[in-house]
Amino acid sequence: MKVKIDLDMTAEEARTLMGLPDLEPMQQRLLEQLEKQVSSNMSYMDPEAMIRAVLPAGAQGLEKFQDMMWGMARSAMGGGSGGTAKSGGAKSDTKKGE
């Protein structure tokens, strides 16, 4: 036996029906507090400092990421552990050529 009940109600009415608490006031207070915190901290930071915070080492970070990706590719292909792309790549190329 199947019983099907269709209820036409809003999400707020469903929460009330099931006895769940209304968290919207708390969420609004938290968002307001977060907005105040972010806006007060933004006055202390200039755009250059924000970029440095997101990209800590700039180009060096990109090189390290590339080295990591090359090392993972080499190990996936059975090339063993490789250091940096500059030194590790040259060694593995000479070994394959011999």
Protein backbone atom coordinates (compact mmCIF):
# COMPACT_ATOMS: atom_id res chain seq x y z
CA MET A 1 0.00 0.00 0.00
CA LYS A 2 1.29 3.45 -0.90
CA VAL A 3 0.11 6.65 0.64
CA LYS A 4 0.99 9.93 -0.98
CA ILE A 5 0.42 13.28 0.72
CA ASP A 6 1.13 16.56 -1.07
CA LEU A 7 1.54 19.58 1.16
CA ASP A 8 1.67 23.07 -0.27
CA MET A 9 3.65 25.14 2.22
CA THR A 10 6.68 27.38 2.46
CA ALA A 11 9.96 26.31 4.03
CA GLU A 12 9.16 28.42 7.10
CA GLU A 13 5.81 26.69 7.53
CA ALA A 14 7.44 23.26 7.15
CA ARG A 15 10.03 24.11 9.83
CA THR A 16 7.27 25.22 12.17
CA LEU A 17 5.23 22.09 11.45
CA MET A 18 8.19 19.81 12.25
CA GLY A 19 9.18 21.84 15.32
CA LEU A 20 12.54 23.01 13.97
CA PRO A 21 13.94 26.32 15.25
CA ASP A 22 14.05 29.44 13.08
CA LEU A 23 17.76 30.22 12.66
CA GLU A 24 17.35 33.23 10.37
CA PRO A 25 17.76 35.90 13.12
CA MET A 26 20.97 34.24 14.32
CA GLN A 27 22.29 33.99 10.75
CA GLN A 28 21.54 37.67 10.16
CA ARG A 29 23.43 38.67 13.33
CA LEU A 30 26.40 36.52 12.34
CA LEU A 31 26.48 38.01 8.83
CA GLU A 32 26.32 41.55 10.21
CA GLN A 33 29.15 40.79 12.64
CA LEU A 34 31.25 39.23 9.87
CA GLU A 35 30.63 42.21 7.61
CA LYS A 36 31.74 44.63 10.35
CA GLN A 37 34.88 42.58 11.01
CA VAL A 38 35.83 42.37 7.34
CA SER A 39 35.23 46.07 6.72
CA SER A 40 37.29 47.08 9.78
CA ASN A 41 40.16 44.81 8.73
CA MET A 42 40.07 46.05 5.14
CA SER A 43 41.03 49.53 6.29
CA TYR A 44 44.33 48.13 7.61
CA MET A 45 45.26 46.32 4.42
CA ASP A 46 46.26 47.81 1.11
CA PRO A 47 45.68 45.90 -2.15
CA GLU A 48 49.35 44.92 -2.46
CA ALA A 49 49.33 43.35 1.01
CA MET A 50 46.18 41.42 0.12
CA ILE A 51 47.84 40.03 -3.02
CA ARG A 52 50.90 39.05 -1.00
CA ALA A 53 48.63 37.29 1.51
CA VAL A 54 46.91 35.30 -1.25
CA LEU A 55 50.10 34.56 -3.20
CA PRO A 56 52.72 34.32 -0.45
CA ALA A 57 55.79 33.83 -2.60
CA GLY A 58 54.53 35.18 -5.92
CA ALA A 59 56.54 33.69 -8.76
CA GLN A 60 58.45 31.44 -6.37
CA GLY A 61 55.17 29.88 -5.30
CA LEU A 62 54.31 29.21 -8.93
CA GLU A 63 57.72 27.60 -9.52
CA LYS A 64 57.28 25.39 -6.46
CA PHE A 65 53.84 24.38 -7.68
CA GLN A 66 55.27 23.51 -11.11
CA ASP A 67 58.08 21.51 -9.51
CA MET A 68 55.55 19.62 -7.42
CA MET A 69 53.43 18.84 -10.49
CA TRP A 70 56.48 17.66 -12.47
CA GLY A 71 57.57 15.48 -9.55
CA MET A 72 54.12 13.91 -9.33
CA ALA A 73 54.10 13.29 -13.08
CA ARG A 74 57.56 11.69 -12.95
CA SER A 75 56.60 9.43 -10.04
CA ALA A 76 53.35 8.45 -11.78
CA MET A 77 55.35 7.45 -14.86
CA GLY A 78 57.77 5.41 -12.74
CA GLY A 79 60.58 7.95 -12.80
CA GLY A 80 61.05 7.73 -9.06
CA SER A 81 61.39 10.73 -6.82
CA GLY A 82 62.50 13.87 -8.53
CA GLY A 83 63.76 17.01 -6.90
CA THR A 84 63.21 20.20 -8.78
CA ALA A 85 62.18 20.28 -12.41
CA LYS A 86 65.54 21.82 -13.42
CA SER A 87 67.82 19.22 -11.86
CA GLY A 88 65.48 16.21 -11.85
CA GLY A 89 64.44 16.62 -15.49
CA ALA A 90 67.99 16.76 -16.77
CA LYS A 91 69.02 13.63 -14.86
CA SER A 92 66.07 11.57 -16.00
CA ASP A 93 66.56 12.64 -19.66
CA THR A 94 70.21 11.54 -19.65
CA LYS A 95 69.32 8.18 -18.10
CA LYS A 96 66.69 7.51 -20.75
CA GLY A 97 69.08 8.49 -23.54
CA GLU A 98 71.84 6.07 -22.49
